[in-house]
């Protein structure tokens, strides 16, 4: 039997914003638990640096991270964003701050609220702990992220916008 999550935001129009956010978070929790328990992906602490911050690092594609059962912060963010994109949750975001990256998502299809997840906690913490840490980090960095073009070391990458601009992973 194949088990899968329903695509997108399935809570329905009759749901409140809070109920829609809770439903979206449950979908992300299912991904988190599958990666943790079934795929046994763990965080590896490699020196993580990204352009335009003056450093370069190769980013693993999701299939490589799954195959190696490990991901650094940017690999984990890309892996989660890919899974969210497959569920048609839009837009998934890759959040980049100086020396670190994590994932975020719109909790409703209108994108009014964004939740964030600290993907480096995958193998050691519960989803709720990783969500709380990601949300705190996101809120702490929001002023630097909002409207940033990345030149300040902060960037909120909208994966859907990247796809619309014909930007795809390199294989």
N, C-alpha and C. Protein backbone atom coordinates (compact mmCIF):
# COMPACT_ATOMS: atom_id res chain seq x y z
N UNK A 1 0.83 -1.18 0.00
CA UNK A 1 0.00 0.00 0.00
C UNK A 1 0.89 1.25 0.00
N UNK A 2 0.60 2.17 -0.89
CA UNK A 2 1.33 3.43 -0.97
C UNK A 2 0.60 4.45 -0.12
N UNK A 3 1.33 5.09 0.78
CA UNK A 3 0.75 6.14 1.61
C UNK A 3 1.29 7.48 1.13
N UNK A 4 0.42 8.46 1.08
CA UNK A 4 0.87 9.77 0.65
C UNK A 4 0.03 10.84 1.33
N UNK A 5 0.54 12.05 1.30
CA UNK A 5 -0.17 13.19 1.84
C UNK A 5 -1.00 13.83 0.74
N UNK A 6 -2.16 14.38 1.07
CA UNK A 6 -2.91 15.10 0.05
C UNK A 6 -2.14 16.36 -0.35
N UNK A 7 -2.19 16.73 -1.61
CA UNK A 7 -1.43 17.90 -2.04
C UNK A 7 -2.02 19.20 -1.51
N UNK A 8 -1.15 20.14 -1.27
CA UNK A 8 -1.56 21.51 -0.98
C UNK A 8 -2.27 21.72 0.33
N UNK A 9 -3.10 22.73 0.34
CA UNK A 9 -3.80 23.16 1.53
C UNK A 9 -5.22 22.59 1.48
N UNK A 10 -5.44 21.50 2.16
CA UNK A 10 -6.69 20.76 2.05
C UNK A 10 -7.68 21.03 3.17
N UNK A 11 -7.42 21.96 4.03
CA UNK A 11 -8.29 22.22 5.17
C UNK A 11 -9.66 22.70 4.72
N UNK A 12 -9.73 23.43 3.65
CA UNK A 12 -11.02 23.89 3.12
C UNK A 12 -11.29 25.35 3.43
N UNK A 13 -12.21 25.91 2.67
CA UNK A 13 -12.54 27.33 2.81
C UNK A 13 -13.24 27.65 4.13
N UNK A 14 -13.87 26.65 4.72
CA UNK A 14 -14.59 26.89 5.96
C UNK A 14 -13.67 26.95 7.18
N UNK A 15 -12.40 26.62 7.01
CA UNK A 15 -11.45 26.62 8.12
C UNK A 15 -10.95 28.04 8.40
N UNK A 16 -10.61 28.28 9.64
CA UNK A 16 -10.01 29.55 10.03
C UNK A 16 -8.56 29.57 9.60
N UNK A 17 -7.93 30.73 9.63
CA UNK A 17 -6.51 30.84 9.31
C UNK A 17 -5.67 29.98 10.24
N UNK A 18 -6.05 29.94 11.52
CA UNK A 18 -5.32 29.13 12.50
C UNK A 18 -5.43 27.64 12.17
N UNK A 19 -6.63 27.20 11.76
CA UNK A 19 -6.82 25.80 11.40
C UNK A 19 -6.04 25.45 10.13
N UNK A 20 -6.02 26.36 9.17
CA UNK A 20 -5.25 26.14 7.95
C UNK A 20 -3.76 26.04 8.26
N UNK A 21 -3.28 26.92 9.13
CA UNK A 21 -1.86 26.89 9.52
C UNK A 21 -1.54 25.58 10.23
N UNK A 22 -2.43 25.13 11.12
CA UNK A 22 -2.20 23.89 11.85
C UNK A 22 -2.17 22.71 10.87
N UNK A 23 -3.05 22.72 9.87
CA UNK A 23 -3.08 21.64 8.89
C UNK A 23 -1.80 21.63 8.06
N UNK A 24 -1.36 22.80 7.62
CA UNK A 24 -0.11 22.89 6.85
C UNK A 24 1.05 22.38 7.69
N UNK A 25 1.09 22.78 8.96
CA UNK A 25 2.17 22.33 9.84
C UNK A 25 2.14 20.81 10.02
N UNK A 26 0.95 20.21 10.06
CA UNK A 26 0.85 18.76 10.17
C UNK A 26 1.45 18.07 8.94
N UNK A 27 1.27 18.67 7.78
CA UNK A 27 1.88 18.10 6.58
C UNK A 27 3.41 18.17 6.67
N UNK A 28 3.92 19.31 7.14
CA UNK A 28 5.37 19.45 7.29
C UNK A 28 5.88 18.48 8.35
N UNK A 29 5.10 18.30 9.41
CA UNK A 29 5.48 17.35 10.46
C UNK A 29 5.58 15.93 9.90
N UNK A 30 4.66 15.56 9.02
CA UNK A 30 4.70 14.24 8.40
C UNK A 30 5.98 14.07 7.58
N UNK A 31 6.38 15.10 6.87
CA UNK A 31 7.64 15.06 6.11
C UNK A 31 8.81 14.92 7.07
N UNK A 32 8.81 15.73 8.12
CA UNK A 32 9.87 15.71 9.14
C UNK A 32 10.02 14.29 9.71
N UNK A 33 8.90 13.72 10.13
CA UNK A 33 8.96 12.40 10.75
C UNK A 33 9.38 11.32 9.76
N UNK A 34 8.96 11.42 8.51
CA UNK A 34 9.38 10.44 7.50
C UNK A 34 10.88 10.54 7.25
N UNK A 35 11.40 11.75 7.14
CA UNK A 35 12.84 11.92 6.92
C UNK A 35 13.64 11.44 8.12
N UNK A 36 13.10 11.65 9.30
CA UNK A 36 13.79 11.25 10.53
C UNK A 36 13.71 9.74 10.75
N UNK A 37 12.52 9.17 10.68
CA UNK A 37 12.32 7.78 11.05
C UNK A 37 12.51 6.80 9.89
N UNK A 38 12.00 7.14 8.72
CA UNK A 38 12.06 6.21 7.59
C UNK A 38 13.35 6.35 6.78
N UNK A 39 13.71 7.58 6.48
CA UNK A 39 14.91 7.81 5.67
C UNK A 39 16.16 7.99 6.53
N UNK A 40 15.98 8.20 7.81
CA UNK A 40 17.08 8.34 8.79
C UNK A 40 18.10 9.40 8.36
N UNK A 41 17.59 10.52 7.88
CA UNK A 41 18.47 11.62 7.50
C UNK A 41 18.93 12.32 8.77
N UNK A 42 20.21 12.58 8.86
CA UNK A 42 20.74 13.30 10.02
C UNK A 42 21.53 14.51 9.55
N UNK A 43 21.65 15.44 10.46
CA UNK A 43 22.40 16.67 10.19
C UNK A 43 23.88 16.39 10.31
N UNK A 44 24.64 16.90 9.36
CA UNK A 44 26.10 16.84 9.44
C UNK A 44 26.61 18.27 9.50
N UNK A 45 27.50 18.52 10.41
CA UNK A 45 28.01 19.86 10.62
C UNK A 45 29.23 20.09 9.76
N UNK A 46 28.99 20.64 8.59
CA UNK A 46 30.07 21.03 7.68
C UNK A 46 30.12 22.55 7.68
N UNK A 47 31.25 23.10 7.37
CA UNK A 47 31.32 24.55 7.22
C UNK A 47 30.36 24.94 6.10
N UNK A 48 29.32 25.66 6.47
CA UNK A 48 28.28 26.02 5.52
C UNK A 48 28.37 27.50 5.19
N UNK A 49 28.54 27.79 3.96
CA UNK A 49 28.67 29.17 3.53
C UNK A 49 28.08 29.30 2.15
N UNK A 50 27.54 30.47 1.85
CA UNK A 50 26.83 30.64 0.60
C UNK A 50 27.21 31.96 -0.04
N UNK A 51 27.18 32.00 -1.36
CA UNK A 51 27.31 33.26 -2.06
C UNK A 51 26.04 34.05 -1.82
N UNK A 52 26.01 35.35 -1.77
CA UNK A 52 27.10 36.29 -2.03
C UNK A 52 27.88 36.67 -0.78
N UNK A 53 27.92 35.81 0.20
CA UNK A 53 28.57 36.13 1.45
C UNK A 53 30.07 35.89 1.42
N UNK A 54 30.60 35.56 0.26
CA UNK A 54 32.03 35.40 0.15
C UNK A 54 32.53 33.98 0.27
N UNK A 55 31.67 33.01 0.35
CA UNK A 55 32.05 31.61 0.47
C UNK A 55 31.31 30.81 -0.59
N UNK A 56 31.84 29.63 -0.87
CA UNK A 56 31.20 28.77 -1.86
C UNK A 56 31.08 27.38 -1.27
N UNK A 57 29.95 26.73 -1.54
CA UNK A 57 29.75 25.36 -1.11
C UNK A 57 28.85 24.67 -2.12
N UNK A 58 29.17 23.44 -2.43
CA UNK A 58 28.30 22.65 -3.30
C UNK A 58 27.08 22.23 -2.49
N UNK A 59 25.91 22.36 -3.10
CA UNK A 59 24.67 22.00 -2.43
C UNK A 59 24.21 20.66 -2.99
N UNK A 60 23.92 19.73 -2.09
CA UNK A 60 23.44 18.41 -2.52
C UNK A 60 21.99 18.49 -2.95
N UNK A 61 21.66 17.76 -3.98
CA UNK A 61 20.26 17.65 -4.38
C UNK A 61 19.55 16.71 -3.40
N UNK A 62 18.22 16.78 -3.34
CA UNK A 62 17.49 15.94 -2.40
C UNK A 62 17.80 14.45 -2.53
N UNK A 63 17.95 13.94 -3.75
CA UNK A 63 18.23 12.51 -3.91
C UNK A 63 19.58 12.14 -3.32
N UNK A 64 20.55 13.02 -3.40
CA UNK A 64 21.87 12.76 -2.82
C UNK A 64 21.78 12.78 -1.30
N UNK A 65 21.08 13.77 -0.74
CA UNK A 65 20.91 13.83 0.72
C UNK A 65 20.21 12.58 1.24
N UNK A 66 19.17 12.13 0.54
CA UNK A 66 18.47 10.92 0.95
C UNK A 66 19.38 9.70 0.84
N UNK A 67 20.14 9.62 -0.24
CA UNK A 67 21.05 8.49 -0.43
C UNK A 67 22.14 8.43 0.62
N UNK A 68 22.67 9.58 0.99
CA UNK A 68 23.73 9.64 2.00
C UNK A 68 23.17 9.60 3.42
N UNK A 69 21.88 9.81 3.54
CA UNK A 69 21.19 9.90 4.82
C UNK A 69 21.80 10.99 5.70
N UNK A 70 22.21 12.06 5.05
CA UNK A 70 22.78 13.19 5.79
C UNK A 70 22.62 14.47 4.99
N UNK A 71 22.58 15.57 5.73
CA UNK A 71 22.43 16.88 5.09
C UNK A 71 22.99 17.94 6.03
N UNK A 72 23.68 18.91 5.45
CA UNK A 72 24.05 20.08 6.25
C UNK A 72 22.86 21.04 6.19
N UNK A 73 23.03 22.24 6.69
CA UNK A 73 21.87 23.13 6.80
C UNK A 73 21.26 23.48 5.43
N UNK A 74 22.07 23.79 4.44
CA UNK A 74 21.52 24.16 3.14
C UNK A 74 20.93 22.94 2.43
N UNK A 75 21.58 21.78 2.57
CA UNK A 75 21.04 20.55 1.99
C UNK A 75 19.68 20.22 2.59
N UNK A 76 19.57 20.36 3.91
CA UNK A 76 18.30 20.09 4.59
C UNK A 76 17.21 21.06 4.17
N UNK A 77 17.57 22.32 4.00
CA UNK A 77 16.60 23.32 3.56
C UNK A 77 16.11 23.00 2.15
N UNK A 78 17.01 22.61 1.28
CA UNK A 78 16.65 22.26 -0.10
C UNK A 78 15.79 20.99 -0.10
N UNK A 79 16.16 20.01 0.72
CA UNK A 79 15.39 18.77 0.81
C UNK A 79 13.96 19.04 1.25
N UNK A 80 13.79 19.81 2.31
CA UNK A 80 12.45 20.13 2.80
C UNK A 80 11.67 20.97 1.78
N UNK A 81 12.33 21.96 1.19
CA UNK A 81 11.64 22.80 0.20
C UNK A 81 11.16 21.96 -0.97
N UNK A 82 11.95 20.98 -1.37
CA UNK A 82 11.55 20.09 -2.47
C UNK A 82 10.32 19.28 -2.09
N UNK A 83 10.29 18.76 -0.88
CA UNK A 83 9.13 17.98 -0.43
C UNK A 83 7.89 18.87 -0.34
N UNK A 84 8.05 20.09 0.16
CA UNK A 84 6.91 21.01 0.25
C UNK A 84 6.41 21.38 -1.13
N UNK A 85 7.33 21.58 -2.05
CA UNK A 85 6.95 21.91 -3.42
C UNK A 85 6.18 20.75 -4.05
N UNK A 86 6.58 19.51 -3.75
CA UNK A 86 5.89 18.34 -4.29
C UNK A 86 4.46 18.25 -3.77
N UNK A 87 4.21 18.80 -2.58
CA UNK A 87 2.86 18.83 -2.02
C UNK A 87 2.06 20.03 -2.53
N UNK A 88 2.64 20.78 -3.42
CA UNK A 88 2.08 22.02 -3.96
C UNK A 88 1.81 23.06 -2.88
N UNK A 89 2.58 23.01 -1.80
CA UNK A 89 2.50 24.08 -0.82
C UNK A 89 3.35 25.21 -1.39
N UNK A 90 2.74 26.36 -1.54
CA UNK A 90 3.49 27.42 -2.15
C UNK A 90 3.41 28.68 -1.33
N UNK A 91 4.39 29.44 -1.32
CA UNK A 91 5.69 29.02 -1.82
C UNK A 91 6.51 28.45 -0.68
N UNK A 92 7.26 27.38 -0.95
CA UNK A 92 8.28 27.06 0.04
C UNK A 92 9.40 28.09 -0.10
N UNK A 93 10.04 28.37 0.98
CA UNK A 93 11.15 29.32 0.98
C UNK A 93 12.40 28.65 1.52
N UNK A 94 13.53 29.04 0.99
CA UNK A 94 14.82 28.72 1.60
C UNK A 94 15.29 30.03 2.22
N UNK A 95 15.47 29.99 3.52
CA UNK A 95 15.87 31.18 4.26
C UNK A 95 17.38 31.12 4.47
N UNK A 96 18.07 32.14 3.97
CA UNK A 96 19.52 32.19 4.14
C UNK A 96 19.89 33.41 4.97
N UNK A 97 20.65 33.15 6.02
CA UNK A 97 21.19 34.20 6.86
C UNK A 97 22.70 33.96 6.90
N UNK A 98 23.49 34.91 7.33
CA UNK A 98 24.94 34.69 7.29
C UNK A 98 25.37 33.38 7.97
N UNK A 99 25.95 32.46 7.16
CA UNK A 99 26.47 31.20 7.66
C UNK A 99 25.45 30.12 7.95
N UNK A 100 24.19 30.31 7.56
CA UNK A 100 23.17 29.31 7.90
C UNK A 100 22.00 29.39 6.92
N UNK A 101 21.26 28.28 6.83
CA UNK A 101 20.05 28.22 6.00
C UNK A 101 19.04 27.29 6.66
N UNK A 102 17.76 27.56 6.44
CA UNK A 102 16.68 26.71 6.92
C UNK A 102 15.49 26.90 6.00
N UNK A 103 14.40 26.21 6.27
CA UNK A 103 13.25 26.23 5.36
C UNK A 103 12.07 26.95 6.01
N UNK A 104 11.22 27.51 5.16
CA UNK A 104 9.98 28.14 5.63
C UNK A 104 8.90 27.88 4.59
N UNK A 105 7.65 28.11 4.98
CA UNK A 105 6.52 27.88 4.07
C UNK A 105 5.37 28.78 4.45
N UNK A 106 4.56 29.07 3.45
CA UNK A 106 3.32 29.81 3.69
C UNK A 106 2.32 28.84 4.29
N UNK A 107 1.64 29.26 5.35
CA UNK A 107 0.72 28.35 6.04
C UNK A 107 -0.63 28.26 5.36
N UNK A 108 -0.92 29.18 4.46
CA UNK A 108 -2.17 29.14 3.70
C UNK A 108 -1.86 29.45 2.25
N UNK A 109 -2.78 29.14 1.37
CA UNK A 109 -2.52 29.36 -0.05
C UNK A 109 -2.43 30.83 -0.42
N UNK A 110 -2.91 31.72 0.45
CA UNK A 110 -2.75 33.15 0.15
C UNK A 110 -1.43 33.71 0.66
N UNK A 111 -0.67 32.92 1.41
CA UNK A 111 0.66 33.30 1.83
C UNK A 111 0.75 34.38 2.90
N UNK A 112 -0.34 34.61 3.63
CA UNK A 112 -0.33 35.69 4.63
C UNK A 112 0.57 35.42 5.82
N UNK A 113 0.76 34.15 6.17
CA UNK A 113 1.58 33.80 7.33
C UNK A 113 2.64 32.80 6.91
N UNK A 114 3.83 32.95 7.48
CA UNK A 114 4.94 32.07 7.15
C UNK A 114 5.42 31.38 8.43
N UNK A 115 5.63 30.07 8.34
CA UNK A 115 6.25 29.32 9.43
C UNK A 115 7.61 28.83 8.96
N UNK A 116 8.52 28.62 9.91
CA UNK A 116 9.88 28.21 9.57
C UNK A 116 10.30 27.03 10.43
N UNK A 117 11.20 26.23 9.90
CA UNK A 117 11.67 25.01 10.56
C UNK A 117 13.18 24.97 10.56
N UNK A 118 13.75 24.69 11.71
CA UNK A 118 15.21 24.51 11.82
C UNK A 118 15.53 23.08 11.43
N UNK A 119 15.98 22.90 10.19
CA UNK A 119 16.20 21.55 9.65
C UNK A 119 17.40 20.85 10.26
N UNK A 120 18.31 21.59 10.89
CA UNK A 120 19.48 20.95 11.49
C UNK A 120 19.12 20.13 12.73
N UNK A 121 17.90 20.29 13.23
CA UNK A 121 17.47 19.56 14.42
C UNK A 121 16.80 18.23 14.08
N UNK A 122 16.79 17.87 12.80
CA UNK A 122 16.04 16.71 12.32
C UNK A 122 16.33 15.43 13.09
N UNK A 123 17.57 15.09 13.29
CA UNK A 123 17.88 13.79 13.90
C UNK A 123 17.89 13.82 15.42
N UNK A 124 17.81 15.00 16.01
CA UNK A 124 17.98 15.08 17.46
C UNK A 124 16.79 15.63 18.23
N UNK A 125 15.84 16.24 17.55
CA UNK A 125 14.75 16.91 18.23
C UNK A 125 13.41 16.56 17.61
N UNK A 126 12.36 16.88 18.33
CA UNK A 126 11.00 16.67 17.81
C UNK A 126 10.68 17.75 16.79
N UNK A 127 9.66 17.50 16.01
CA UNK A 127 9.20 18.50 15.06
C UNK A 127 8.82 19.79 15.77
N UNK A 128 8.12 19.68 16.88
CA UNK A 128 7.67 20.86 17.61
C UNK A 128 8.85 21.72 18.07
N UNK A 129 9.92 21.08 18.51
CA UNK A 129 11.11 21.82 18.93
C UNK A 129 11.78 22.49 17.74
N UNK A 130 11.87 21.78 16.62
CA UNK A 130 12.49 22.34 15.41
C UNK A 130 11.64 23.47 14.84
N UNK A 131 10.32 23.34 14.93
CA UNK A 131 9.42 24.40 14.48
C UNK A 131 9.57 25.64 15.36
N UNK A 132 9.61 25.46 16.66
CA UNK A 132 9.77 26.60 17.58
C UNK A 132 11.10 27.31 17.34
N UNK A 133 12.16 26.54 17.15
CA UNK A 133 13.48 27.14 16.92
C UNK A 133 13.51 27.87 15.58
N UNK A 134 12.94 27.26 14.55
CA UNK A 134 12.91 27.90 13.23
C UNK A 134 12.07 29.17 13.25
N UNK A 135 10.94 29.12 13.94
CA UNK A 135 10.07 30.28 14.00
C UNK A 135 10.75 31.43 14.74
N UNK A 136 11.43 31.10 15.83
CA UNK A 136 12.14 32.14 16.59
C UNK A 136 13.24 32.76 15.74
N UNK A 137 13.98 31.92 15.03
CA UNK A 137 15.06 32.41 14.16
C UNK A 137 14.50 33.29 13.04
N UNK A 138 13.39 32.86 12.46
CA UNK A 138 12.76 33.60 11.37
C UNK A 138 12.30 34.98 11.86
N UNK A 139 11.63 35.01 12.99
CA UNK A 139 11.13 36.27 13.53
C UNK A 139 12.28 37.20 13.93
N UNK A 140 13.34 36.63 14.48
CA UNK A 140 14.52 37.42 14.86
C UNK A 140 15.16 38.07 13.65
N UNK A 141 15.15 37.37 12.52
CA UNK A 141 15.84 37.85 11.32
C UNK A 141 14.93 38.53 10.30
N UNK A 142 13.63 38.64 10.60
CA UNK A 142 12.68 39.15 9.62
C UNK A 142 13.05 40.53 9.10
N UNK A 143 13.47 41.44 9.96
CA UNK A 143 13.80 42.79 9.51
C UNK A 143 14.92 42.79 8.48
N UNK A 144 15.88 41.87 8.62
CA UNK A 144 16.97 41.78 7.65
C UNK A 144 16.56 41.02 6.39
N UNK A 145 15.59 40.12 6.51
CA UNK A 145 15.13 39.33 5.36
C UNK A 145 14.14 40.07 4.49
N UNK A 146 13.25 40.82 5.09
CA UNK A 146 12.15 41.48 4.38
C UNK A 146 12.68 42.42 3.31
N UNK A 147 12.45 42.08 2.06
CA UNK A 147 12.86 42.93 0.94
C UNK A 147 14.34 42.86 0.60
N UNK A 148 15.08 41.99 1.25
CA UNK A 148 16.52 41.91 1.00
C UNK A 148 16.80 41.24 -0.34
N UNK A 149 17.81 41.74 -1.03
CA UNK A 149 18.24 41.12 -2.28
C UNK A 149 19.40 40.16 -2.06
N UNK A 150 19.76 39.93 -0.80
CA UNK A 150 20.86 39.03 -0.47
C UNK A 150 22.19 39.73 -0.29
N UNK A 151 22.30 40.98 -0.69
CA UNK A 151 23.57 41.68 -0.59
C UNK A 151 24.01 41.91 0.86
N UNK A 152 23.06 41.83 1.79
CA UNK A 152 23.40 41.99 3.20
C UNK A 152 23.64 40.65 3.88
N UNK A 153 23.66 39.55 3.10
CA UNK A 153 23.86 38.22 3.65
C UNK A 153 22.57 37.54 4.05
N UNK A 154 21.44 38.23 3.89
CA UNK A 154 20.13 37.68 4.23
C UNK A 154 19.30 37.57 2.96
N UNK A 155 18.66 36.40 2.78
CA UNK A 155 17.89 36.20 1.57
C UNK A 155 16.75 35.21 1.82
N UNK A 156 15.58 35.56 1.38
CA UNK A 156 14.41 34.69 1.45
C UNK A 156 14.14 34.24 0.02
N UNK A 157 14.54 33.01 -0.31
CA UNK A 157 14.41 32.49 -1.66
C UNK A 157 13.04 31.85 -1.82
N UNK A 158 12.23 32.43 -2.67
CA UNK A 158 10.90 31.90 -2.99
C UNK A 158 11.10 30.85 -4.08
N UNK A 159 10.92 29.58 -3.73
CA UNK A 159 11.18 28.49 -4.67
C UNK A 159 10.25 28.56 -5.87
N UNK A 160 8.99 28.92 -5.66
CA UNK A 160 8.06 29.04 -6.78
C UNK A 160 8.51 30.14 -7.75
N UNK A 161 8.93 31.28 -7.22
CA UNK A 161 9.42 32.36 -8.08
C UNK A 161 10.66 31.91 -8.85
N UNK A 162 11.52 31.12 -8.20
CA UNK A 162 12.70 30.60 -8.89
C UNK A 162 12.29 29.70 -10.05
N UNK A 163 11.29 28.84 -9.81
CA UNK A 163 10.80 27.96 -10.87
C UNK A 163 10.18 28.79 -12.01
N UNK A 164 9.40 29.80 -11.64
CA UNK A 164 8.79 30.66 -12.66
C UNK A 164 9.85 31.36 -13.51
N UNK A 165 11.03 31.59 -12.90
CA UNK A 165 12.14 32.22 -13.62
C UNK A 165 13.02 31.19 -14.33
N UNK A 166 12.52 29.94 -14.40
CA UNK A 166 13.23 28.84 -15.05
C UNK A 166 14.52 28.44 -14.35
N UNK A 167 14.56 28.58 -13.02
CA UNK A 167 15.71 28.16 -12.24
C UNK A 167 15.39 26.80 -11.64
N UNK A 168 16.23 25.81 -11.97
CA UNK A 168 16.05 24.44 -11.53
C UNK A 168 17.35 23.90 -10.98
N UNK A 169 17.29 22.83 -10.15
CA UNK A 169 18.54 22.25 -9.62
C UNK A 169 19.40 21.71 -10.75
N UNK A 170 20.69 21.75 -10.52
CA UNK A 170 21.65 21.18 -11.47
C UNK A 170 21.81 19.70 -11.14
N UNK A 171 21.74 18.87 -12.12
CA UNK A 171 21.92 17.42 -11.93
C UNK A 171 23.16 16.96 -12.61
